[in-house]
């Protein structure tokens, strides 16, 4: 799980970038784009974290 955090941060950055591009295309104010980017990055990161924790718990139960 140590190296996985770096991978999750990359995916969170990609999600934030997609939010930025969409916001700029739709001509949304920058303050709202920044909030959307932060929420998207947090959602992606926490989703991968929860998935990893669940996977570790499943492995522990099987053993």
N, C-alpha and C. Protein backbone atom coordinates (compact mmCIF):
# COMPACT_ATOMS: atom_id res chain seq x y z
N UNK A 1 0.82 -1.19 0.00
CA UNK A 1 0.00 0.00 0.00
C UNK A 1 0.87 1.26 0.00
N UNK A 2 2.15 1.13 0.24
CA UNK A 2 3.02 2.31 0.32
C UNK A 2 3.11 3.04 -1.02
N UNK A 3 3.32 2.32 -2.09
CA UNK A 3 3.48 2.95 -3.40
C UNK A 3 2.17 3.35 -4.04
N UNK A 4 1.07 2.86 -3.50
CA UNK A 4 -0.23 3.13 -4.10
C UNK A 4 -0.65 4.59 -3.95
N UNK A 5 -0.21 5.26 -2.90
CA UNK A 5 -0.60 6.65 -2.68
C UNK A 5 -0.15 7.53 -3.85
N UNK A 6 1.05 7.28 -4.37
CA UNK A 6 1.54 8.06 -5.51
C UNK A 6 0.65 7.85 -6.72
N UNK A 7 0.20 6.64 -6.91
CA UNK A 7 -0.69 6.33 -8.04
C UNK A 7 -2.04 7.03 -7.86
N UNK A 8 -2.57 7.03 -6.64
CA UNK A 8 -3.87 7.67 -6.38
C UNK A 8 -3.79 9.16 -6.62
N UNK A 9 -2.67 9.80 -6.22
CA UNK A 9 -2.53 11.24 -6.41
C UNK A 9 -2.50 11.60 -7.89
N UNK A 10 -1.91 10.76 -8.71
CA UNK A 10 -1.90 11.01 -10.14
C UNK A 10 -3.32 10.98 -10.70
N UNK A 11 -4.10 10.00 -10.28
CA UNK A 11 -5.48 9.91 -10.75
C UNK A 11 -6.32 11.08 -10.24
N UNK A 12 -6.06 11.50 -9.02
CA UNK A 12 -6.77 12.66 -8.47
C UNK A 12 -6.41 13.92 -9.27
N UNK A 13 -5.16 14.05 -9.67
CA UNK A 13 -4.74 15.18 -10.49
C UNK A 13 -5.38 15.16 -11.87
N UNK A 14 -5.52 13.97 -12.43
CA UNK A 14 -6.19 13.84 -13.72
C UNK A 14 -7.66 14.26 -13.61
N UNK A 15 -8.31 13.83 -12.54
CA UNK A 15 -9.70 14.22 -12.32
C UNK A 15 -9.85 15.72 -12.16
N UNK A 16 -8.92 16.33 -11.44
CA UNK A 16 -8.95 17.78 -11.26
C UNK A 16 -8.72 18.49 -12.59
N UNK A 17 -7.84 17.95 -13.40
CA UNK A 17 -7.57 18.54 -14.71
C UNK A 17 -8.79 18.47 -15.63
N UNK A 18 -9.51 17.37 -15.56
CA UNK A 18 -10.73 17.24 -16.35
C UNK A 18 -11.76 18.27 -15.90
N UNK A 19 -11.87 18.46 -14.59
CA UNK A 19 -12.78 19.49 -14.07
C UNK A 19 -12.36 20.88 -14.54
N UNK A 20 -11.06 21.14 -14.55
CA UNK A 20 -10.56 22.44 -15.01
C UNK A 20 -10.91 22.66 -16.47
N UNK A 21 -10.64 21.67 -17.29
CA UNK A 21 -10.91 21.81 -18.73
C UNK A 21 -12.41 22.01 -18.98
N UNK A 22 -13.23 21.23 -18.32
CA UNK A 22 -14.67 21.38 -18.49
C UNK A 22 -15.17 22.73 -18.03
N UNK A 23 -14.65 23.21 -16.92
CA UNK A 23 -15.06 24.52 -16.41
C UNK A 23 -14.64 25.66 -17.33
N UNK A 24 -13.43 25.55 -17.88
CA UNK A 24 -12.98 26.59 -18.80
C UNK A 24 -13.78 26.59 -20.10
N UNK A 25 -14.11 25.41 -20.58
CA UNK A 25 -14.91 25.31 -21.81
C UNK A 25 -16.30 25.89 -21.60
N UNK A 26 -16.88 25.63 -20.43
CA UNK A 26 -18.23 26.11 -20.13
C UNK A 26 -18.25 27.55 -19.60
N UNK A 27 -17.07 28.16 -19.49
CA UNK A 27 -16.93 29.55 -19.04
C UNK A 27 -17.53 29.76 -17.64
N UNK A 28 -17.14 28.89 -16.72
CA UNK A 28 -17.56 28.97 -15.32
C UNK A 28 -16.54 29.83 -14.57
N UNK A 29 -16.97 30.62 -13.59
CA UNK A 29 -16.01 31.44 -12.82
C UNK A 29 -14.92 30.58 -12.16
N UNK A 30 -13.72 31.15 -12.08
CA UNK A 30 -12.56 30.41 -11.58
C UNK A 30 -12.73 29.92 -10.14
N UNK A 31 -13.42 30.68 -9.31
CA UNK A 31 -13.63 30.24 -7.93
C UNK A 31 -14.44 28.94 -7.90
N UNK A 32 -15.44 28.85 -8.73
CA UNK A 32 -16.25 27.63 -8.77
C UNK A 32 -15.46 26.47 -9.38
N UNK A 33 -14.61 26.76 -10.34
CA UNK A 33 -13.77 25.71 -10.93
C UNK A 33 -12.81 25.17 -9.88
N UNK A 34 -12.23 26.05 -9.08
CA UNK A 34 -11.29 25.62 -8.03
C UNK A 34 -11.98 24.71 -7.02
N UNK A 35 -13.18 25.06 -6.63
CA UNK A 35 -13.93 24.22 -5.69
C UNK A 35 -14.24 22.87 -6.33
N UNK A 36 -14.65 22.89 -7.58
CA UNK A 36 -14.95 21.64 -8.28
C UNK A 36 -13.72 20.76 -8.40
N UNK A 37 -12.58 21.37 -8.69
CA UNK A 37 -11.33 20.61 -8.80
C UNK A 37 -10.97 19.96 -7.47
N UNK A 38 -11.11 20.71 -6.39
CA UNK A 38 -10.79 20.17 -5.06
C UNK A 38 -11.72 19.02 -4.69
N UNK A 39 -13.00 19.21 -4.95
CA UNK A 39 -13.96 18.15 -4.63
C UNK A 39 -13.73 16.90 -5.47
N UNK A 40 -13.43 17.09 -6.75
CA UNK A 40 -13.17 15.95 -7.63
C UNK A 40 -11.92 15.19 -7.19
N UNK A 41 -10.85 15.93 -6.90
CA UNK A 41 -9.62 15.27 -6.47
C UNK A 41 -9.84 14.52 -5.15
N UNK A 42 -10.55 15.13 -4.22
CA UNK A 42 -10.84 14.45 -2.95
C UNK A 42 -11.68 13.21 -3.12
N UNK A 43 -12.66 13.29 -4.00
CA UNK A 43 -13.53 12.14 -4.25
C UNK A 43 -12.77 10.99 -4.88
N UNK A 44 -11.95 11.29 -5.87
CA UNK A 44 -11.16 10.24 -6.54
C UNK A 44 -10.19 9.61 -5.56
N UNK A 45 -9.46 10.45 -4.81
CA UNK A 45 -8.47 9.92 -3.87
C UNK A 45 -9.13 9.06 -2.80
N UNK A 46 -10.24 9.54 -2.23
CA UNK A 46 -10.89 8.76 -1.16
C UNK A 46 -11.50 7.48 -1.71
N UNK A 47 -11.98 7.52 -2.94
CA UNK A 47 -12.53 6.30 -3.54
C UNK A 47 -11.48 5.22 -3.68
N UNK A 48 -10.30 5.58 -4.17
CA UNK A 48 -9.23 4.60 -4.29
C UNK A 48 -8.74 4.14 -2.92
N UNK A 49 -8.71 5.04 -1.95
CA UNK A 49 -8.28 4.67 -0.61
C UNK A 49 -9.25 3.66 0.01
N UNK A 50 -10.55 3.90 -0.13
CA UNK A 50 -11.55 2.98 0.42
C UNK A 50 -11.48 1.62 -0.27
N UNK A 51 -11.26 1.65 -1.58
CA UNK A 51 -11.15 0.40 -2.32
C UNK A 51 -9.95 -0.41 -1.83
N UNK A 52 -8.84 0.26 -1.58
CA UNK A 52 -7.64 -0.42 -1.12
C UNK A 52 -7.83 -0.98 0.29
N UNK A 53 -8.46 -0.21 1.17
CA UNK A 53 -8.70 -0.68 2.53
C UNK A 53 -9.62 -1.89 2.50
N UNK A 54 -10.65 -1.83 1.67
CA UNK A 54 -11.57 -2.97 1.56
C UNK A 54 -10.87 -4.21 1.04
N UNK A 55 -9.96 -4.01 0.09
CA UNK A 55 -9.22 -5.13 -0.48
C UNK A 55 -8.31 -5.76 0.56
N UNK A 56 -7.66 -4.94 1.38
CA UNK A 56 -6.78 -5.47 2.44
C UNK A 56 -7.60 -6.22 3.48
N UNK A 57 -8.76 -5.70 3.82
CA UNK A 57 -9.61 -6.35 4.81
C UNK A 57 -10.08 -7.71 4.29
N UNK A 58 -10.42 -7.76 2.99
CA UNK A 58 -10.85 -9.02 2.39
C UNK A 58 -9.73 -10.06 2.44
N UNK A 59 -8.49 -9.63 2.14
CA UNK A 59 -7.36 -10.54 2.19
C UNK A 59 -7.14 -11.06 3.60
N UNK A 60 -7.30 -10.19 4.61
CA UNK A 60 -7.10 -10.60 6.00
C UNK A 60 -8.17 -11.61 6.42
N UNK A 61 -9.38 -11.43 5.96
CA UNK A 61 -10.46 -12.35 6.32
C UNK A 61 -10.23 -13.71 5.67
N UNK A 62 -9.77 -13.73 4.44
CA UNK A 62 -9.53 -14.99 3.74
C UNK A 62 -8.44 -15.81 4.37
N UNK A 63 -7.43 -15.13 4.94
CA UNK A 63 -6.31 -15.85 5.54
C UNK A 63 -6.71 -16.31 6.88
